[in-house]
Amino acid sequence: MSWERVQEAIEAAAHRAGRSPTEITLLVVSKGQSPARILSVYEKGQRLFGENRVQELLAKKPLLPLDINWHMIGHLQTNKVKAILPHITLLHSLDRESLLEEIAKRSTKPLPCLIEVKIAQEDTKQGVPPSALIPFVEKVLSVKEVSLRGLMGMATFTQNKKQIREEFRHLRKLFERIREEFPEAPIDTLSMGMSSDFEIAIEEGSTLVRIGAAVFSEGSS
């Protein structure tokens, strides 16, 4: 696939779901990619990139255009919070109180964040259990150094599309619930869907998809 093909696939999935493609934002996951390859996608018009590791993001950022918006999408250790805060426009993986407390301690302005919710049936996946989401949302909203923008979740890595769809649907329902229960919060982002399942995610209501392999795959045009 390629950046252009991914854009076409996003548009097609949106139309299948009766949605406008303008409702879906593409975040290109640049983990493991060289600055040159990132720049090649930037030159096609992409401005939103995501990294999984703090050190990798900090190493690449000075080598690339200043108008790139960087997202931190991987697990964030509390001892890396101070280093990463000035460099990101959205954190996708707020998943525990200790991280919330460290952001509150280190942030000089509200940091836009997504709460990571554990919807997958895999022990390796992280996130807030759905049953604990509402109390955690209440804690997040009480911290002025954080601006809660929505939810992020990863489906189980499986060939079972029905299971993937059900997990994304569950997350969308949680997203709709917190928007209803906390209308004062600027909750507008539902981050779900990666290279292997983004079309299902869009059909189930995702507003932001995180795609790396399909954009950077060898042989792309």
C-alpha atoms as a PDB file:
ATOM      1  CA  MET A   1       0.000   0.000   0.000  1.00  0.00           C
ATOM      2  CA  SER A   2       1.097   3.653   0.081  1.00  0.00           C
ATOM      3  CA  TRP A   3       0.055   6.957   1.654  1.00  0.00           C
ATOM      4  CA  GLU A   4      -2.210   7.630  -1.317  1.00  0.00           C
ATOM      5  CA  ARG A   5      -3.740   4.150  -1.192  1.00  0.00           C
ATOM      6  CA  VAL A   6      -4.357   4.490   2.536  1.00  0.00           C
ATOM      7  CA  GLN A   7      -6.175   7.780   1.929  1.00  0.00           C
ATOM      8  CA  GLU A   8      -8.317   6.053  -0.705  1.00  0.00           C
ATOM      9  CA  ALA A   9      -9.089   3.169   1.669  1.00  0.00           C
ATOM     10  CA  ILE A  10     -10.070   5.611   4.428  1.00  0.00           C
ATOM     11  CA  GLU A  11     -12.412   7.400   2.034  1.00  0.00           C
ATOM     12  CA  ALA A  12     -13.990   4.135   0.877  1.00  0.00           C
ATOM     13  CA  ALA A  13     -14.516   2.871   4.442  1.00  0.00           C
ATOM     14  CA  ALA A  14     -16.091   6.190   5.418  1.00  0.00           C
ATOM     15  CA  HIS A  15     -18.517   6.035   2.516  1.00  0.00           C
ATOM     16  CA  ARG A  16     -19.466   2.440   3.399  1.00  0.00           C
ATOM     17  CA  ALA A  17     -20.340   3.654   6.883  1.00  0.00           C
ATOM     18  CA  GLY A  18     -22.324   6.632   5.591  1.00  0.00           C
ATOM     19  CA  ARG A  19     -19.707   9.025   6.967  1.00  0.00           C
ATOM     20  CA  SER A  20     -17.734  11.874   5.469  1.00  0.00           C
ATOM     21  CA  PRO A  21     -14.009  11.143   4.992  1.00  0.00           C
ATOM     22  CA  THR A  22     -13.361  14.555   6.572  1.00  0.00           C
ATOM     23  CA  GLU A  23     -14.463  13.034   9.907  1.00  0.00           C
ATOM     24  CA  ILE A  24     -11.398  10.766   9.973  1.00  0.00           C
ATOM     25  CA  THR A  25      -7.856  11.920  10.688  1.00  0.00           C
ATOM     26  CA  LEU A  26      -4.836   9.910   9.543  1.00  0.00           C
ATOM     27  CA  LEU A  27      -1.926   9.698  11.964  1.00  0.00           C
ATOM     28  CA  VAL A  28       1.121   8.131  10.311  1.00  0.00           C
ATOM     29  CA  VAL A  29       3.048   5.925  12.724  1.00  0.00           C
ATOM     30  CA  SER A  30       6.725   6.618  12.044  1.00  0.00           C
ATOM     31  CA  LYS A  31       8.195   4.119  14.524  1.00  0.00           C
ATOM     32  CA  GLY A  32      11.368   2.620  13.072  1.00  0.00           C
ATOM     33  CA  GLN A  33      11.351   4.890  10.022  1.00  0.00           C
ATOM     34  CA  SER A  34      14.254   7.120   9.022  1.00  0.00           C
ATOM     35  CA  PRO A  35      13.843  10.906   8.870  1.00  0.00           C
ATOM     36  CA  ALA A  36      14.219  10.650   5.063  1.00  0.00           C
ATOM     37  CA  ARG A  37      11.281   8.271   4.761  1.00  0.00           C
ATOM     38  CA  ILE A  38       9.177  10.405   7.096  1.00  0.00           C
ATOM     39  CA  LEU A  39      10.034  13.453   4.991  1.00  0.00           C
ATOM     40  CA  SER A  40       8.893  11.651   1.846  1.00  0.00           C
ATOM     41  CA  VAL A  41       5.424  11.264   3.376  1.00  0.00           C
ATOM     42  CA  TYR A  42       5.484  14.803   4.760  1.00  0.00           C
ATOM     43  CA  GLU A  43       6.074  16.086   1.235  1.00  0.00           C
ATOM     44  CA  LYS A  44       2.821  14.458   0.141  1.00  0.00           C
ATOM     45  CA  GLY A  45       0.962  16.636   2.633  1.00  0.00           C
ATOM     46  CA  GLN A  46       1.040  14.574   5.838  1.00  0.00           C
ATOM     47  CA  ARG A  47       1.612  16.626   8.996  1.00  0.00           C
ATOM     48  CA  LEU A  48       0.565  14.274  11.782  1.00  0.00           C
ATOM     49  CA  PHE A  49       3.032  11.609  12.926  1.00  0.00           C
ATOM     50  CA  GLY A  50       3.105   9.308  15.949  1.00  0.00           C
ATOM     51  CA  GLU A  51       5.922   7.597  17.801  1.00  0.00           C
ATOM     52  CA  ASN A  52       5.880   4.758  20.337  1.00  0.00           C
ATOM     53  CA  ARG A  53       9.133   5.591  22.116  1.00  0.00           C
ATOM     54  CA  VAL A  54      10.189   8.849  23.701  1.00  0.00           C
ATOM     55  CA  GLN A  55      13.855   8.621  22.728  1.00  0.00           C
ATOM     56  CA  GLU A  56      13.030   7.925  19.097  1.00  0.00           C
ATOM     57  CA  LEU A  57      10.688  10.891  18.887  1.00  0.00           C
ATOM     58  CA  LEU A  58      13.217  13.221  20.526  1.00  0.00           C
ATOM     59  CA  ALA A  59      15.948  12.062  18.143  1.00  0.00           C
ATOM     60  CA  LYS A  60      13.881  12.565  14.984  1.00  0.00           C
ATOM     61  CA  LYS A  61      12.066  15.792  15.759  1.00  0.00           C
ATOM     62  CA  PRO A  62      15.043  18.184  15.301  1.00  0.00           C
ATOM     63  CA  LEU A  63      15.802  16.633  11.901  1.00  0.00           C
ATOM     64  CA  LEU A  64      12.349  17.234  10.436  1.00  0.00           C
ATOM     65  CA  PRO A  65      10.104  20.229   9.589  1.00  0.00           C
ATOM     66  CA  LEU A  66       8.866  22.313  12.477  1.00  0.00           C
ATOM     67  CA  ASP A  67       5.212  22.165  11.443  1.00  0.00           C
ATOM     68  CA  ILE A  68       4.922  18.419  12.078  1.00  0.00           C
ATOM     69  CA  ASN A  69       2.494  17.621  14.887  1.00  0.00           C
ATOM     70  CA  TRP A  70       3.916  14.773  16.968  1.00  0.00           C
ATOM     71  CA  HIS A  71       1.743  12.376  18.954  1.00  0.00           C
ATOM     72  CA  MET A  72       3.002   9.980  21.612  1.00  0.00           C
ATOM     73  CA  ILE A  73       1.081   6.753  21.036  1.00  0.00           C
ATOM     74  CA  GLY A  74       3.056   4.200  23.045  1.00  0.00           C
ATOM     75  CA  HIS A  75       3.214   3.362  26.727  1.00  0.00           C
ATOM     76  CA  LEU A  76       4.700   6.344  28.574  1.00  0.00           C
ATOM     77  CA  GLN A  77       6.877   5.771  31.619  1.00  0.00           C
ATOM     78  CA  THR A  78       6.503   8.361  34.341  1.00  0.00           C
ATOM     79  CA  ASN A  79      10.243   9.123  34.308  1.00  0.00           C
ATOM     80  CA  LYS A  80       9.973  10.186  30.635  1.00  0.00           C
ATOM     81  CA  VAL A  81       7.101  12.645  31.119  1.00  0.00           C
ATOM     82  CA  LYS A  82       9.228  15.743  31.697  1.00  0.00           C
ATOM     83  CA  ALA A  83      11.314  15.086  28.592  1.00  0.00           C
ATOM     84  CA  ILE A  84       8.415  14.526  26.207  1.00  0.00           C
ATOM     85  CA  LEU A  85       5.874  17.134  27.322  1.00  0.00           C
ATOM     86  CA  PRO A  86       7.204  20.084  25.262  1.00  0.00           C
ATOM     87  CA  HIS A  87       7.324  18.038  22.068  1.00  0.00           C
ATOM     88  CA  ILE A  88       3.876  16.470  21.621  1.00  0.00           C
ATOM     89  CA  THR A  89       0.435  17.787  20.770  1.00  0.00           C
ATOM     90  CA  LEU A  90      -1.476  14.687  21.942  1.00  0.00           C
ATOM     91  CA  LEU A  91      -0.800  11.751  24.267  1.00  0.00           C
ATOM     92  CA  HIS A  92      -2.766   8.637  23.285  1.00  0.00           C
ATOM     93  CA  SER A  93      -1.853   6.429  26.240  1.00  0.00           C
ATOM     94  CA  LEU A  94      -3.007   7.959  29.523  1.00  0.00           C
ATOM     95  CA  ASP A  95      -3.708   4.724  31.372  1.00  0.00           C
ATOM     96  CA  ARG A  96      -3.046   5.080  35.101  1.00  0.00           C
ATOM     97  CA  GLU A  97      -3.173   7.471  38.040  1.00  0.00           C
ATOM     98  CA  SER A  98       0.610   7.606  38.531  1.00  0.00           C
ATOM     99  CA  LEU A  99       1.023   8.917  34.979  1.00  0.00           C
ATOM    100  CA  LEU A 100      -1.766  11.450  35.488  1.00  0.00           C
ATOM    101  CA  GLU A 101      -0.085  12.683  38.662  1.00  0.00           C
ATOM    102  CA  GLU A 102       3.294  13.024  36.943  1.00  0.00           C
ATOM    103  CA  ILE A 103       1.794  15.018  34.074  1.00  0.00           C
ATOM    104  CA  ALA A 104       0.082  17.292  36.611  1.00  0.00           C
ATOM    105  CA  LYS A 105       3.415  17.813  38.344  1.00  0.00           C
ATOM    106  CA  ARG A 106       5.445  18.489  35.186  1.00  0.00           C
ATOM    107  CA  SER A 107       3.073  20.234  32.792  1.00  0.00           C
ATOM    108  CA  THR A 108       3.087  24.016  32.414  1.00  0.00           C
ATOM    109  CA  LYS A 109      -0.039  24.046  30.230  1.00  0.00           C
ATOM    110  CA  PRO A 110      -2.917  21.604  29.679  1.00  0.00           C
ATOM    111  CA  LEU A 111      -1.725  18.529  27.792  1.00  0.00           C
ATOM    112  CA  PRO A 112      -4.306  17.077  25.380  1.00  0.00           C
ATOM    113  CA  CYS A 113      -4.698  13.386  26.230  1.00  0.00           C
ATOM    114  CA  LEU A 114      -6.631  10.292  25.285  1.00  0.00           C
ATOM    115  CA  ILE A 115      -7.398   7.653  27.873  1.00  0.00           C
ATOM    116  CA  GLU A 116      -6.223   4.237  26.691  1.00  0.00           C
ATOM    117  CA  VAL A 117      -8.917   1.630  27.310  1.00  0.00           C
ATOM    118  CA  LYS A 118      -8.216  -2.108  27.356  1.00  0.00           C
ATOM    119  CA  ILE A 119     -10.705  -3.636  24.934  1.00  0.00           C
ATOM    120  CA  ALA A 120      -8.541  -6.498  23.618  1.00  0.00           C
ATOM    121  CA  GLN A 121      -8.496 -10.051  24.941  1.00  0.00           C
ATOM    122  CA  GLU A 122      -4.693 -10.059  25.215  1.00  0.00           C
ATOM    123  CA  ASP A 123      -2.663  -9.748  28.401  1.00  0.00           C
ATOM    124  CA  THR A 124       0.026  -7.815  26.516  1.00  0.00           C
ATOM    125  CA  LYS A 125      -2.371  -4.950  25.780  1.00  0.00           C
ATOM    126  CA  GLN A 126      -2.558  -2.156  28.328  1.00  0.00           C
ATOM    127  CA  GLY A 127      -5.188   0.352  29.304  1.00  0.00           C
ATOM    128  CA  VAL A 128      -7.900   1.234  31.790  1.00  0.00           C
ATOM    129  CA  PRO A 129     -10.458  -1.577  32.202  1.00  0.00           C
ATOM    130  CA  PRO A 130     -13.868  -0.498  30.856  1.00  0.00           C
ATOM    131  CA  SER A 131     -15.392  -1.034  34.301  1.00  0.00           C
ATOM    132  CA  ALA A 132     -12.980   1.554  35.770  1.00  0.00           C
ATOM    133  CA  LEU A 133     -13.315   4.124  32.991  1.00  0.00           C
ATOM    134  CA  ILE A 134     -15.886   6.519  34.469  1.00  0.00           C
ATOM    135  CA  PRO A 135     -14.079   6.981  37.818  1.00  0.00           C
ATOM    136  CA  PHE A 136     -10.810   7.509  35.933  1.00  0.00           C
ATOM    137  CA  VAL A 137     -12.427  10.080  33.635  1.00  0.00           C
ATOM    138  CA  GLU A 138     -13.609  11.952  36.729  1.00  0.00           C
ATOM    139  CA  LYS A 139     -10.051  12.013  38.092  1.00  0.00           C
ATOM    140  CA  VAL A 140      -8.632  13.196  34.766  1.00  0.00           C
ATOM    141  CA  LEU A 141     -11.176  16.002  34.495  1.00  0.00           C
ATOM    142  CA  SER A 142     -10.210  17.200  37.979  1.00  0.00           C
ATOM    143  CA  VAL A 143      -6.617  17.819  36.844  1.00  0.00           C
ATOM    144  CA  LYS A 144      -6.259  21.225  35.181  1.00  0.00           C
ATOM    145  CA  GLU A 145      -2.927  20.266  33.587  1.00  0.00           C
ATOM    146  CA  VAL A 146      -4.700  17.725  31.368  1.00  0.00           C
ATOM    147  CA  SER A 147      -7.246  18.317  28.613  1.00  0.00           C
ATOM    148  CA  LEU A 148      -9.199  15.119  28.023  1.00  0.00           C
ATOM    149  CA  ARG A 149      -9.924  14.762  24.308  1.00  0.00           C
ATOM    150  CA  GLY A 150     -11.219  11.217  24.081  1.00  0.00           C
ATOM    151  CA  LEU A 151     -10.335   7.526  24.081  1.00  0.00           C
ATOM    152  CA  MET A 152      -7.841   5.198  22.416  1.00  0.00           C
ATOM    153  CA  GLY A 153      -7.987   1.442  22.156  1.00  0.00           C
ATOM    154  CA  MET A 154      -6.399  -1.453  20.297  1.00  0.00           C
ATOM    155  CA  ALA A 155      -8.347  -4.502  19.201  1.00  0.00           C
ATOM    156  CA  THR A 156      -7.119  -8.045  19.665  1.00  0.00           C
ATOM    157  CA  PHE A 157      -4.583  -9.085  17.017  1.00  0.00           C
ATOM    158  CA  THR A 158      -6.644 -11.754  15.330  1.00  0.00           C
ATOM    159  CA  GLN A 159      -8.053 -12.788  11.965  1.00  0.00           C
ATOM    160  CA  ASN A 160     -11.511 -12.868  13.547  1.00  0.00           C
ATOM    161  CA  LYS A 161     -13.077  -9.721  12.070  1.00  0.00           C
ATOM    162  CA  LYS A 162     -16.259 -10.188  14.080  1.00  0.00           C
ATOM    163  CA  GLN A 163     -14.274 -10.018  17.319  1.00  0.00           C
ATOM    164  CA  ILE A 164     -12.371  -6.940  16.145  1.00  0.00           C
ATOM    165  CA  ARG A 165     -15.624  -5.243  15.174  1.00  0.00           C
ATOM    166  CA  GLU A 166     -17.229  -6.038  18.527  1.00  0.00           C
ATOM    167  CA  GLU A 167     -14.245  -4.635  20.436  1.00  0.00           C
ATOM    168  CA  PHE A 168     -14.264  -1.412  18.421  1.00  0.00           C
ATOM    169  CA  ARG A 169     -18.027  -1.135  18.854  1.00  0.00           C
ATOM    170  CA  HIS A 170     -17.581  -1.516  22.610  1.00  0.00           C
ATOM    171  CA  LEU A 171     -15.061   1.328  22.652  1.00  0.00           C
ATOM    172  CA  ARG A 172     -17.305   3.553  20.570  1.00  0.00           C
ATOM    173  CA  LYS A 173     -20.151   3.019  23.039  1.00  0.00           C
ATOM    174  CA  LEU A 174     -17.826   3.962  25.906  1.00  0.00           C
ATOM    175  CA  PHE A 175     -16.788   7.067  23.957  1.00  0.00           C
ATOM    176  CA  GLU A 176     -20.407   8.071  23.427  1.00  0.00           C
ATOM    177  CA  ARG A 177     -21.157   7.468  27.094  1.00  0.00           C
ATOM    178  CA  ILE A 178     -18.404   9.741  28.400  1.00  0.00           C
ATOM    179  CA  ARG A 179     -19.395  12.461  25.933  1.00  0.00           C
ATOM    180  CA  GLU A 180     -22.934  12.299  27.291  1.00  0.00           C
ATOM    181  CA  GLU A 181     -21.936  12.155  30.955  1.00  0.00           C
ATOM    182  CA  PHE A 182     -19.266  14.868  30.730  1.00  0.00           C
ATOM    183  CA  PRO A 183     -20.573  17.365  28.147  1.00  0.00           C
ATOM    184  CA  GLU A 184     -18.344  20.122  29.516  1.00  0.00           C
ATOM    185  CA  ALA A 185     -15.180  18.311  28.378  1.00  0.00           C
ATOM    186  CA  PRO A 186     -13.819  18.832  24.820  1.00  0.00           C
ATOM    187  CA  ILE A 187     -14.121  15.119  24.010  1.00  0.00           C
ATOM    188  CA  ASP A 188     -13.943  14.733  20.227  1.00  0.00           C
ATOM    189  CA  THR A 189     -11.378  12.013  19.420  1.00  0.00           C
ATOM    190  CA  LEU A 190     -11.855   8.269  19.190  1.00  0.00           C
ATOM    191  CA  SER A 191      -8.483   6.778  18.240  1.00  0.00           C
ATOM    192  CA  MET A 192      -8.857   3.210  17.038  1.00  0.00           C
ATOM    193  CA  GLY A 193      -7.654   1.302  14.011  1.00  0.00           C
ATOM    194  CA  MET A 194      -4.187   0.412  12.726  1.00  0.00           C
ATOM    195  CA  SER A 195      -2.838  -0.957   9.436  1.00  0.00           C
ATOM    196  CA  SER A 196      -4.515  -4.357   9.850  1.00  0.00           C
ATOM    197  CA  ASP A 197      -7.952  -3.180  10.995  1.00  0.00           C
ATOM    198  CA  PHE A 198      -8.445   0.534  10.283  1.00  0.00           C
ATOM    199  CA  GLU A 199     -11.268   0.007   7.792  1.00  0.00           C
ATOM    200  CA  ILE A 200     -13.320  -1.868  10.406  1.00  0.00           C
ATOM    201  CA  ALA A 201     -12.487   0.854  12.933  1.00  0.00           C
ATOM    202  CA  ILE A 202     -13.768   3.567  10.598  1.00  0.00           C
ATOM    203  CA  GLU A 203     -16.961   1.610   9.979  1.00  0.00           C
ATOM    204  CA  GLU A 204     -17.409   1.453  13.767  1.00  0.00           C
ATOM    205  CA  GLY A 205     -16.903   5.173  14.374  1.00  0.00           C
ATOM    206  CA  SER A 206     -13.189   5.897  14.674  1.00  0.00           C
ATOM    207  CA  THR A 207     -12.217   9.542  14.179  1.00  0.00           C
ATOM    208  CA  LEU A 208      -8.449   8.934  14.126  1.00  0.00           C
ATOM    209  CA  VAL A 209      -6.563   5.963  12.672  1.00  0.00           C
ATOM    210  CA  ARG A 210      -2.913   5.146  13.422  1.00  0.00           C
ATOM    211  CA  ILE A 211      -1.255   3.656  10.349  1.00  0.00           C
ATOM    212  CA  GLY A 212       2.402   2.876   9.811  1.00  0.00           C
ATOM    213  CA  ALA A 213       3.095  -0.356   7.949  1.00  0.00           C
ATOM    214  CA  ALA A 214       0.527   0.274   5.213  1.00  0.00           C
ATOM    215  CA  VAL A 215       2.031   3.712   4.511  1.00  0.00           C
ATOM    216  CA  PHE A 216       5.683   2.698   4.562  1.00  0.00           C
ATOM    217  CA  SER A 217       5.447  -0.819   3.103  1.00  0.00           C
ATOM    218  CA  GLU A 218       8.078  -1.682   0.499  1.00  0.00           C
ATOM    219  CA  GLY A 219       6.991  -1.317  -3.053  1.00  0.00           C
ATOM    220  CA  SER A 220       4.564   1.490  -2.286  1.00  0.00           C
ATOM    221  CA  SER A 221       4.042   4.068  -4.978  1.00  0.00           C
END
